[in-house]
Amino acid sequence: MRRIKTYKKWSIWRLTAAEAIDVGGRFAAFLPETDPGAMDEPEWAADSVQELIDFIDSYET
């Protein structure tokens, strides 16, 4: 897993193939207070970064 972007204090990560199978998407978004290093579950997983950005925008409104 590798952090690729921060958007509105959320961290967006690119997942490995094995991680993507586990969570259901190639990318994952974590809330600001969640630690992906502790293997917390992501708030949302998607196949594109734009889909995650759209989710974050809708989550905060």
PDB file of N, CA and C in Angstrom:
ATOM      1  N   MET A   1       0.857  -1.153   0.000  1.00  0.00           N
ATOM      2  CA  MET A   1       0.000   0.000   0.000  1.00  0.00           C
ATOM      3  C   MET A   1       0.912   1.228   0.000  1.00  0.00           C
ATOM      4  N   ARG A   2       0.529   2.222  -0.834  1.00  0.00           N
ATOM      5  CA  ARG A   2       1.340   3.431  -0.958  1.00  0.00           C
ATOM      6  C   ARG A   2       0.425   4.648  -1.024  1.00  0.00           C
ATOM      7  N   ARG A   3       0.727   5.648  -0.190  1.00  0.00           N
ATOM      8  CA  ARG A   3      -0.073   6.881  -0.199  1.00  0.00           C
ATOM      9  C   ARG A   3       0.212   7.620  -1.502  1.00  0.00           C
ATOM     10  N   ILE A   4      -0.857   8.035  -2.179  1.00  0.00           N
ATOM     11  CA  ILE A   4      -0.667   8.753  -3.436  1.00  0.00           C
ATOM     12  C   ILE A   4      -1.239  10.169  -3.413  1.00  0.00           C
ATOM     13  N   LYS A   5      -2.128  10.447  -2.457  1.00  0.00           N
ATOM     14  CA  LYS A   5      -2.773  11.761  -2.464  1.00  0.00           C
ATOM     15  C   LYS A   5      -3.412  12.031  -1.109  1.00  0.00           C
ATOM     16  N   THR A   6      -3.484  13.298  -0.763  1.00  0.00           N
ATOM     17  CA  THR A   6      -4.274  13.737   0.382  1.00  0.00           C
ATOM     18  C   THR A   6      -5.319  14.702  -0.160  1.00  0.00           C
ATOM     19  N   TYR A   7      -6.560  14.480   0.220  1.00  0.00           N
ATOM     20  CA  TYR A   7      -7.661  15.310  -0.263  1.00  0.00           C
ATOM     21  C   TYR A   7      -8.576  15.620   0.907  1.00  0.00           C
ATOM     22  N   LYS A   8      -8.721  16.911   1.223  1.00  0.00           N
ATOM     23  CA  LYS A   8      -9.550  17.343   2.354  1.00  0.00           C
ATOM     24  C   LYS A   8      -9.218  16.567   3.631  1.00  0.00           C
ATOM     25  N   LYS A   9      -7.937  16.402   3.890  1.00  0.00           N
ATOM     26  CA  LYS A   9      -7.386  15.710   5.066  1.00  0.00           C
ATOM     27  C   LYS A   9      -7.569  14.194   5.037  1.00  0.00           C
ATOM     28  N   TRP A  10      -8.209  13.648   4.014  1.00  0.00           N
ATOM     29  CA  TRP A  10      -8.312  12.197   3.851  1.00  0.00           C
ATOM     30  C   TRP A  10      -7.051  11.725   3.130  1.00  0.00           C
ATOM     31  N   SER A  11      -6.594  10.537   3.437  1.00  0.00           N
ATOM     32  CA  SER A  11      -5.462   9.985   2.696  1.00  0.00           C
ATOM     33  C   SER A  11      -5.979   8.945   1.708  1.00  0.00           C
ATOM     34  N   ILE A  12      -5.466   9.036   0.480  1.00  0.00           N
ATOM     35  CA  ILE A  12      -5.845   8.098  -0.580  1.00  0.00           C
ATOM     36  C   ILE A  12      -4.630   7.245  -0.892  1.00  0.00           C
ATOM     37  N   TRP A  13      -4.846   5.943  -0.906  1.00  0.00           N
ATOM     38  CA  TRP A  13      -3.766   4.977  -1.060  1.00  0.00           C
ATOM     39  C   TRP A  13      -4.006   4.074  -2.261  1.00  0.00           C
ATOM     40  N   ARG A  14      -2.918   3.729  -2.956  1.00  0.00           N
ATOM     41  CA  ARG A  14      -2.969   2.709  -4.013  1.00  0.00           C
ATOM     42  C   ARG A  14      -2.674   1.373  -3.338  1.00  0.00           C
ATOM     43  N   LEU A  15      -3.522   0.403  -3.592  1.00  0.00           N
ATOM     44  CA  LEU A  15      -3.393  -0.894  -2.931  1.00  0.00           C
ATOM     45  C   LEU A  15      -2.650  -1.888  -3.809  1.00  0.00           C
ATOM     46  N   THR A  16      -2.031  -2.864  -3.168  1.00  0.00           N
ATOM     47  CA  THR A  16      -1.438  -3.966  -3.914  1.00  0.00           C
ATOM     48  C   THR A  16      -2.565  -4.860  -4.419  1.00  0.00           C
ATOM     49  N   ALA A  17      -2.260  -5.765  -5.305  1.00  0.00           N
ATOM     50  CA  ALA A  17      -3.286  -6.658  -5.870  1.00  0.00           C
ATOM     51  C   ALA A  17      -3.985  -7.461  -4.776  1.00  0.00           C
ATOM     52  N   ALA A  18      -3.224  -7.975  -3.822  1.00  0.00           N
ATOM     53  CA  ALA A  18      -3.822  -8.773  -2.741  1.00  0.00           C
ATOM     54  C   ALA A  18      -4.723  -7.922  -1.859  1.00  0.00           C
ATOM     55  N   GLU A  19      -4.291  -6.708  -1.546  1.00  0.00           N
ATOM     56  CA  GLU A  19      -5.111  -5.808  -0.730  1.00  0.00           C
ATOM     57  C   GLU A  19      -6.379  -5.404  -1.474  1.00  0.00           C
ATOM     58  N   ALA A  20      -6.247  -5.176  -2.780  1.00  0.00           N
ATOM     59  CA  ALA A  20      -7.408  -4.776  -3.591  1.00  0.00           C
ATOM     60  C   ALA A  20      -8.479  -5.859  -3.582  1.00  0.00           C
ATOM     61  N   ILE A  21      -8.068  -7.098  -3.606  1.00  0.00           N
ATOM     62  CA  ILE A  21      -9.034  -8.207  -3.551  1.00  0.00           C
ATOM     63  C   ILE A  21      -9.757  -8.191  -2.207  1.00  0.00           C
ATOM     64  N   ASP A  22      -9.016  -7.929  -1.127  1.00  0.00           N
ATOM     65  CA  ASP A  22      -9.606  -7.925   0.214  1.00  0.00           C
ATOM     66  C   ASP A  22     -10.629  -6.813   0.419  1.00  0.00           C
ATOM     67  N   VAL A  23     -10.357  -5.616  -0.119  1.00  0.00           N
ATOM     68  CA  VAL A  23     -11.246  -4.478   0.150  1.00  0.00           C
ATOM     69  C   VAL A  23     -12.164  -4.127  -1.022  1.00  0.00           C
ATOM     70  N   GLY A  24     -11.921  -4.689  -2.190  1.00  0.00           N
ATOM     71  CA  GLY A  24     -12.832  -4.485  -3.312  1.00  0.00           C
ATOM     72  C   GLY A  24     -12.546  -3.277  -4.170  1.00  0.00           C
ATOM     73  N   GLY A  25     -11.306  -2.856  -4.270  1.00  0.00           N
ATOM     74  CA  GLY A  25     -10.956  -1.734  -5.139  1.00  0.00           C
ATOM     75  C   GLY A  25      -9.462  -1.520  -5.190  1.00  0.00           C
ATOM     76  N   ARG A  26      -8.985  -0.836  -6.237  1.00  0.00           N
ATOM     77  CA  ARG A  26      -7.550  -0.608  -6.390  1.00  0.00           C
ATOM     78  C   ARG A  26      -7.045   0.544  -5.533  1.00  0.00           C
ATOM     79  N   PHE A  27      -7.961   1.409  -5.083  1.00  0.00           N
ATOM     80  CA  PHE A  27      -7.601   2.556  -4.270  1.00  0.00           C
ATOM     81  C   PHE A  27      -8.474   2.576  -3.019  1.00  0.00           C
ATOM     82  N   ALA A  28      -7.964   3.162  -1.940  1.00  0.00           N
ATOM     83  CA  ALA A  28      -8.725   3.228  -0.694  1.00  0.00           C
ATOM     84  C   ALA A  28      -8.557   4.604  -0.063  1.00  0.00           C
ATOM     85  N   ALA A  29      -9.620   5.059   0.608  1.00  0.00           N
ATOM     86  CA  ALA A  29      -9.589   6.338   1.316  1.00  0.00           C
ATOM     87  C   ALA A  29      -9.741   6.079   2.809  1.00  0.00           C
ATOM     88  N   PHE A  30      -8.892   6.745   3.579  1.00  0.00           N
ATOM     89  CA  PHE A  30      -8.920   6.619   5.027  1.00  0.00           C
ATOM     90  C   PHE A  30      -9.253   7.964   5.642  1.00  0.00           C
ATOM     91  N   LEU A  31     -10.084   7.956   6.665  1.00  0.00           N
ATOM     92  CA  LEU A  31     -10.396   9.159   7.415  1.00  0.00           C
ATOM     93  C   LEU A  31      -9.115   9.712   8.032  1.00  0.00           C
ATOM     94  N   PRO A  32      -9.074  11.016   8.299  1.00  0.00           N
ATOM     95  CA  PRO A  32      -7.855  11.606   8.857  1.00  0.00           C
ATOM     96  C   PRO A  32      -7.375  10.956  10.154  1.00  0.00           C
ATOM     97  N   GLU A  33      -8.294  10.490  10.984  1.00  0.00           N
ATOM     98  CA  GLU A  33      -7.874   9.913  12.274  1.00  0.00           C
ATOM     99  C   GLU A  33      -7.571   8.410  12.197  1.00  0.00           C
ATOM    100  N   THR A  34      -7.707   7.810  11.039  1.00  0.00           N
ATOM    101  CA  THR A  34      -7.448   6.373  10.888  1.00  0.00           C
ATOM    102  C   THR A  34      -6.015   6.140  10.435  1.00  0.00           C
ATOM    103  N   ASP A  35      -5.432   5.078  10.910  1.00  0.00           N
ATOM    104  CA  ASP A  35      -4.050   4.760  10.564  1.00  0.00           C
ATOM    105  C   ASP A  35      -4.006   3.535   9.669  1.00  0.00           C
ATOM    106  N   PRO A  36      -3.748   3.722   8.357  1.00  0.00           N
ATOM    107  CA  PRO A  36      -3.682   2.564   7.473  1.00  0.00           C
ATOM    108  C   PRO A  36      -2.559   1.604   7.841  1.00  0.00           C
ATOM    109  N   GLY A  37      -1.495   2.121   8.470  1.00  0.00           N
ATOM    110  CA  GLY A  37      -0.391   1.266   8.883  1.00  0.00           C
ATOM    111  C   GLY A  37      -0.803   0.258   9.946  1.00  0.00           C
ATOM    112  N   ALA A  38      -1.854   0.575  10.679  1.00  0.00           N
ATOM    113  CA  ALA A  38      -2.359  -0.336  11.703  1.00  0.00           C
ATOM    114  C   ALA A  38      -3.347  -1.340  11.103  1.00  0.00           C
ATOM    115  N   MET A  39      -3.454  -1.320   9.775  1.00  0.00           N
ATOM    116  CA  MET A  39      -4.324  -2.238   9.033  1.00  0.00           C
ATOM    117  C   MET A  39      -5.799  -2.018   9.356  1.00  0.00           C
ATOM    118  N   ASP A  40      -6.155  -0.758   9.643  1.00  0.00           N
ATOM    119  CA  ASP A  40      -7.568  -0.428   9.786  1.00  0.00           C
ATOM    120  C   ASP A  40      -8.239  -0.586   8.433  1.00  0.00           C
ATOM    121  N   GLU A  41      -9.521  -0.855   8.455  1.00  0.00           N
ATOM    122  CA  GLU A  41     -10.267  -0.952   7.207  1.00  0.00           C
ATOM    123  C   GLU A  41     -10.467   0.453   6.636  1.00  0.00           C
ATOM    124  N   PRO A  42     -10.361   0.596   5.322  1.00  0.00           N
ATOM    125  CA  PRO A  42     -10.602   1.915   4.740  1.00  0.00           C
ATOM    126  C   PRO A  42     -12.071   2.299   4.852  1.00  0.00           C
ATOM    127  N   GLU A  43     -12.325   3.585   4.832  1.00  0.00           N
ATOM    128  CA  GLU A  43     -13.702   4.070   4.849  1.00  0.00           C
ATOM    129  C   GLU A  43     -14.395   3.738   3.525  1.00  0.00           C
ATOM    130  N   TRP A  44     -13.633   3.780   2.437  1.00  0.00           N
ATOM    131  CA  TRP A  44     -14.200   3.500   1.118  1.00  0.00           C
ATOM    132  C   TRP A  44     -13.102   2.987   0.207  1.00  0.00           C
ATOM    133  N   ALA A  45     -13.432   2.064  -0.680  1.00  0.00           N
ATOM    134  CA  ALA A  45     -12.496   1.559  -1.682  1.00  0.00           C
ATOM    135  C   ALA A  45     -13.149   1.703  -3.052  1.00  0.00           C
ATOM    136  N   ALA A  46     -12.324   1.957  -4.069  1.00  0.00           N
ATOM    137  CA  ALA A  46     -12.856   2.174  -5.412  1.00  0.00           C
ATOM    138  C   ALA A  46     -11.807   1.794  -6.448  1.00  0.00           C
ATOM    139  N   ASP A  47     -12.239   1.746  -7.697  1.00  0.00           N
ATOM    140  CA  ASP A  47     -11.324   1.420  -8.790  1.00  0.00           C
ATOM    141  C   ASP A  47     -10.681   2.649  -9.413  1.00  0.00           C
ATOM    142  N   SER A  48     -11.078   3.837  -8.977  1.00  0.00           N
ATOM    143  CA  SER A  48     -10.447   5.049  -9.491  1.00  0.00           C
ATOM    144  C   SER A  48     -10.335   6.094  -8.380  1.00  0.00           C
ATOM    145  N   VAL A  49      -9.348   6.947  -8.502  1.00  0.00           N
ATOM    146  CA  VAL A  49      -9.154   8.017  -7.529  1.00  0.00           C
ATOM    147  C   VAL A  49     -10.334   8.992  -7.599  1.00  0.00           C
ATOM    148  N   GLN A  50     -10.833   9.268  -8.807  1.00  0.00           N
ATOM    149  CA  GLN A  50     -11.950  10.202  -8.948  1.00  0.00           C
ATOM    150  C   GLN A  50     -13.183   9.711  -8.200  1.00  0.00           C
ATOM    151  N   GLU A  51     -13.421   8.423  -8.214  1.00  0.00           N
ATOM    152  CA  GLU A  51     -14.551   7.860  -7.476  1.00  0.00           C
ATOM    153  C   GLU A  51     -14.390   8.115  -5.975  1.00  0.00           C
ATOM    154  N   LEU A  52     -13.163   8.004  -5.476  1.00  0.00           N
ATOM    155  CA  LEU A  52     -12.900   8.288  -4.058  1.00  0.00           C
ATOM    156  C   LEU A  52     -13.114   9.771  -3.751  1.00  0.00           C
ATOM    157  N   ILE A  53     -12.660  10.632  -4.641  1.00  0.00           N
ATOM    158  CA  ILE A  53     -12.849  12.068  -4.439  1.00  0.00           C
ATOM    159  C   ILE A  53     -14.337  12.408  -4.406  1.00  0.00           C
ATOM    160  N   ASP A  54     -15.101  11.811  -5.307  1.00  0.00           N
ATOM    161  CA  ASP A  54     -16.549  12.036  -5.309  1.00  0.00           C
ATOM    162  C   ASP A  54     -17.177  11.556  -3.996  1.00  0.00           C
ATOM    163  N   PHE A  55     -16.730  10.410  -3.488  1.00  0.00           N
ATOM    164  CA  PHE A  55     -17.238   9.900  -2.213  1.00  0.00           C
ATOM    165  C   PHE A  55     -16.914  10.866  -1.079  1.00  0.00           C
ATOM    166  N   ILE A  56     -15.666  11.348  -1.024  1.00  0.00           N
ATOM    167  CA  ILE A  56     -15.264  12.264   0.040  1.00  0.00           C
ATOM    168  C   ILE A  56     -16.093  13.539  -0.021  1.00  0.00           C
ATOM    169  N   ASP A  57     -16.308  14.052  -1.217  1.00  0.00           N
ATOM    170  CA  ASP A  57     -17.133  15.258  -1.365  1.00  0.00           C
ATOM    171  C   ASP A  57     -18.554  15.013  -0.860  1.00  0.00           C
ATOM    172  N   SER A  58     -19.120  13.878  -1.172  1.00  0.00           N
ATOM    173  CA  SER A  58     -20.492  13.590  -0.730  1.00  0.00           C
ATOM    174  C   SER A  58     -20.540  13.271   0.770  1.00  0.00           C
ATOM    175  N   TYR A  59     -19.486  12.706   1.311  1.00  0.00           N
ATOM    176  CA  TYR A  59     -19.414  12.346   2.727  1.00  0.00           C
ATOM    177  C   TYR A  59     -19.419  13.592   3.604  1.00  0.00           C
ATOM    178  N   GLU A  60     -18.768  14.647   3.126  1.00  0.00           N
ATOM    179  CA  GLU A  60     -18.595  15.853   3.927  1.00  0.00           C
ATOM    180  C   GLU A  60     -19.701  16.880   3.717  1.00  0.00           C
ATOM    181  N   THR A  61     -20.686  16.580   2.893  1.00  0.00           N
ATOM    182  CA  THR A  61     -21.775  17.542   2.691  1.00  0.00           C
ATOM    183  C   THR A  61     -23.045  17.072   3.342  1.00  0.00           C
TER     184      THR A  61
END
